[in-house]
């Protein structure tokens, strides 16, 4: 979607990357490698975005590092546009994922929801992983890094929920988007607000 607006795949990838990694610095060759874009294209677009004000740069040990200019007046609007674009792409794909047989729970978290959770997609149920792979690859196309996803059988998820497993806790305690939930209505499963989280309270 953004590619159509910006008419540049390289520029779109860079914008997405620095909106997600807005507090980190990266040198040119690292960006070219991670974004899978030719070095000359990366250099040209970085220079354009720095001139525009979206990026800043600095020299360190003979390397030029770029980072997001958080003080740029348009940065919040650009970041909002990027994440809205990602969300639209994700939800379109999620609608197709939700129809896969055997799916009980589908949650977007991690980088898809600006959450510190250790996974980006949680899939619970007895599903055909090969069918999910194409959808997960589609979502990953809009991201500047590999998508982390977790498949769990229903019984394992229920067990982890009952013992307040930290992995599950981190998903529900932070930002997340529930795409499909066929579990909570069918059984008396503890909801997030019912948890004591005694293992993790300070």
Protein backbone atom coordinates (compact mmCIF):
# COMPACT_ATOMS: atom_id res chain seq x y z
CA UNK A 1 0.00 0.00 0.00
CA UNK A 2 2.71 2.51 0.96
CA UNK A 3 4.71 1.48 -2.08
CA UNK A 4 1.87 2.80 -4.25
CA UNK A 5 1.86 6.13 -2.41
CA UNK A 6 5.62 6.61 -2.25
CA UNK A 7 6.44 5.00 -5.63
CA UNK A 8 9.66 3.59 -4.17
CA UNK A 9 10.13 0.17 -2.58
CA UNK A 10 13.47 1.15 -1.02
CA UNK A 11 12.05 4.34 0.52
CA UNK A 12 9.05 2.45 1.87
CA UNK A 13 11.27 -0.19 3.48
CA UNK A 14 13.46 2.47 5.10
CA UNK A 15 10.47 4.39 6.47
CA UNK A 16 8.95 1.24 7.93
CA UNK A 17 12.28 0.15 9.37
CA UNK A 18 13.00 3.43 11.19
CA UNK A 19 9.42 3.75 12.43
CA UNK A 20 9.77 0.34 14.08
CA UNK A 21 13.38 0.93 15.21
CA UNK A 22 13.00 4.60 16.04
CA UNK A 23 15.50 4.57 18.92
CA UNK A 24 18.36 2.71 17.25
CA UNK A 25 21.22 3.62 14.89
CA UNK A 26 22.29 1.66 11.80
CA UNK A 27 25.11 1.94 9.29
CA UNK A 28 24.50 1.84 5.55
CA UNK A 29 25.70 -1.65 4.70
CA UNK A 30 23.76 -3.11 7.62
CA UNK A 31 20.59 -1.47 6.34
CA UNK A 32 21.19 -2.73 2.80
CA UNK A 33 21.63 -6.27 4.15
CA UNK A 34 18.67 -6.24 6.51
CA UNK A 35 16.29 -4.62 4.04
CA UNK A 36 17.57 -6.59 1.05
CA UNK A 37 18.03 -3.44 -1.02
CA UNK A 38 20.97 -2.57 -3.27
CA UNK A 39 23.61 -0.40 -1.62
CA UNK A 40 23.32 2.45 -4.11
CA UNK A 41 19.55 2.60 -3.67
CA UNK A 42 19.91 2.63 0.11
CA UNK A 43 22.47 5.44 0.01
CA UNK A 44 20.31 7.54 -2.30
CA UNK A 45 17.14 7.13 -0.25
CA UNK A 46 18.92 7.69 3.07
CA UNK A 47 20.35 10.94 1.73
CA UNK A 48 16.91 12.02 0.50
CA UNK A 49 15.24 11.21 3.82
CA UNK A 50 17.96 13.01 5.76
CA UNK A 51 17.53 16.07 3.58
CA UNK A 52 13.78 15.84 4.11
CA UNK A 53 14.33 15.78 7.89
CA UNK A 54 13.04 12.30 8.69
CA UNK A 55 16.54 10.94 9.42
CA UNK A 56 19.74 12.16 11.02
CA UNK A 57 23.26 10.78 10.63
CA UNK A 58 26.60 10.75 12.44
CA UNK A 59 30.08 9.36 11.88
CA UNK A 60 31.41 6.64 14.21
CA UNK A 61 34.65 4.71 13.66
CA UNK A 62 34.72 5.50 9.93
CA UNK A 63 31.09 4.40 9.50
CA UNK A 64 28.09 6.61 8.84
CA UNK A 65 25.14 5.77 11.05
CA UNK A 66 21.56 6.82 10.42
CA UNK A 67 18.75 7.15 12.96
CA UNK A 68 15.22 8.51 13.13
CA UNK A 69 14.87 12.22 13.79
CA UNK A 70 12.33 12.05 16.60
CA UNK A 71 12.24 15.84 16.72
CA UNK A 72 11.09 16.09 13.10
CA UNK A 73 7.67 17.78 13.08
CA UNK A 74 6.16 15.21 10.70
CA UNK A 75 7.62 12.13 12.37
CA UNK A 76 4.49 11.29 14.45
CA UNK A 77 2.27 11.58 11.35
CA UNK A 78 4.58 9.44 9.22
CA UNK A 79 4.85 6.80 11.95
CA UNK A 80 1.07 6.77 12.32
CA UNK A 81 0.65 6.34 8.55
CA UNK A 82 3.19 3.50 8.49
CA UNK A 83 1.56 1.60 11.32
CA UNK A 84 -1.92 2.13 9.89
CA UNK A 85 -0.70 0.75 6.57
CA UNK A 86 0.84 -2.25 8.29
CA UNK A 87 -2.35 -2.81 10.30
CA UNK A 88 -4.53 -2.77 7.18
CA UNK A 89 -2.28 -5.28 5.45
CA UNK A 90 -2.18 -7.45 8.57
CA UNK A 91 -5.92 -7.44 9.14
CA UNK A 92 -6.66 -8.29 5.51
CA UNK A 93 -4.36 -11.28 5.82
CA UNK A 94 -5.72 -12.07 9.28
CA UNK A 95 -9.21 -12.36 7.84
CA UNK A 96 -7.97 -15.15 5.60
CA UNK A 97 -6.00 -16.79 8.40
CA UNK A 98 -9.08 -16.87 10.61
CA UNK A 99 -10.79 -19.28 8.21
CA UNK A 100 -8.15 -21.99 8.52
CA UNK A 101 -9.64 -25.21 9.95
CA UNK A 102 -8.73 -26.05 13.54
CA UNK A 103 -7.78 -22.51 14.61
CA UNK A 104 -8.83 -21.71 18.19
CA UNK A 105 -6.91 -18.53 18.98
CA UNK A 106 -5.00 -16.02 16.85
CA UNK A 107 -3.27 -13.06 18.52
CA UNK A 108 -1.04 -10.38 17.01
CA UNK A 109 1.50 -8.98 19.46
CA UNK A 110 5.21 -8.13 19.57
CA UNK A 111 6.28 -5.93 16.67
CA UNK A 112 2.76 -6.09 15.20
CA UNK A 113 1.36 -4.32 18.27
CA UNK A 114 4.40 -2.39 19.56
CA UNK A 115 4.66 -4.87 22.44
CA UNK A 116 7.76 -6.29 24.20
CA UNK A 117 6.30 -9.81 24.00
CA UNK A 118 8.74 -12.44 22.73
CA UNK A 119 6.55 -13.48 19.78
CA UNK A 120 4.66 -11.55 17.11
CA UNK A 121 1.91 -14.04 16.28
CA UNK A 122 0.38 -16.64 18.60
CA UNK A 123 -1.54 -19.46 16.89
CA UNK A 124 -3.41 -21.95 19.06
CA UNK A 125 -5.12 -25.08 17.75
CA UNK A 126 -4.58 -28.02 15.48
CA UNK A 127 -3.87 -26.29 12.19
CA UNK A 128 -2.05 -27.03 8.96
CA UNK A 129 1.16 -25.05 9.40
CA UNK A 130 1.87 -25.01 5.68
CA UNK A 131 -1.38 -23.10 5.11
CA UNK A 132 -0.36 -20.55 7.72
CA UNK A 133 3.12 -20.13 6.31
CA UNK A 134 1.95 -18.25 3.23
CA UNK A 135 -0.07 -15.84 5.37
CA UNK A 136 2.79 -15.31 7.80
CA UNK A 137 5.14 -14.61 4.89
CA UNK A 138 2.64 -12.07 3.57
CA UNK A 139 2.55 -10.22 6.89
CA UNK A 140 6.35 -10.35 7.13
CA UNK A 141 6.63 -8.55 3.77
CA UNK A 142 5.58 -5.34 5.47
CA UNK A 143 8.14 -5.64 8.23
CA UNK A 144 11.83 -4.77 8.33
CA UNK A 145 12.78 -7.96 10.17
CA UNK A 146 11.86 -11.63 10.49
CA UNK A 147 8.44 -12.32 11.93
CA UNK A 148 8.41 -14.39 15.12
CA UNK A 149 5.47 -16.77 15.45
CA UNK A 150 4.44 -19.49 17.86
CA UNK A 151 2.18 -22.50 17.29
CA UNK A 152 0.71 -24.10 20.42
CA UNK A 153 -1.65 -27.09 20.76
CA UNK A 154 -4.83 -26.18 22.63
CA UNK A 155 -4.01 -28.29 25.69
CA UNK A 156 -0.56 -26.78 26.06
CA UNK A 157 -2.00 -23.27 25.82
CA UNK A 158 -4.62 -24.06 28.48
CA UNK A 159 -1.96 -25.54 30.77
CA UNK A 160 0.33 -22.53 30.35
CA UNK A 161 -2.59 -20.22 31.06
CA UNK A 162 -3.53 -22.04 34.25
CA UNK A 163 0.00 -21.87 35.66
CA UNK A 164 0.40 -18.23 34.56
CA UNK A 165 3.30 -19.06 32.29
CA UNK A 166 5.49 -15.99 31.69
CA UNK A 167 5.41 -16.36 27.91
CA UNK A 168 1.59 -16.22 27.90
CA UNK A 169 1.56 -13.50 30.55
CA UNK A 170 3.78 -11.23 28.45
CA UNK A 171 1.40 -11.54 25.51
CA UNK A 172 -1.77 -10.68 27.44
CA UNK A 173 -0.21 -8.11 29.78
CA UNK A 174 1.09 -5.98 26.92
CA UNK A 175 -0.44 -4.57 23.74
CA UNK A 176 -2.04 -7.21 21.54
CA UNK A 177 -4.79 -7.70 18.96
CA UNK A 178 -7.10 -10.70 19.27
CA UNK A 179 -8.07 -11.74 15.76
CA UNK A 180 -9.80 -15.03 16.60
CA UNK A 181 -10.86 -16.36 20.01
CA UNK A 182 -12.87 -19.59 20.04
CA UNK A 183 -11.61 -20.58 23.48
CA UNK A 184 -12.93 -18.11 26.04
CA UNK A 185 -16.61 -18.47 25.17
CA UNK A 186 -16.56 -22.25 25.29
CA UNK A 187 -14.92 -22.81 28.66
CA UNK A 188 -14.48 -21.07 31.97
CA UNK A 189 -10.96 -19.95 31.22
CA UNK A 190 -9.36 -17.34 33.42
CA UNK A 191 -9.26 -13.97 31.70
CA UNK A 192 -6.37 -11.55 32.10
CA UNK A 193 -8.18 -9.50 34.76
CA UNK A 194 -8.70 -12.66 36.83
CA UNK A 195 -5.02 -13.52 37.01
CA UNK A 196 -3.09 -12.88 40.19
CA UNK A 197 0.26 -12.85 38.36
CA UNK A 198 1.85 -13.58 41.71
CA UNK A 199 4.99 -14.93 40.07
CA UNK A 200 5.71 -11.69 38.25
CA UNK A 201 4.56 -8.90 40.54
CA UNK A 202 7.32 -6.81 42.05
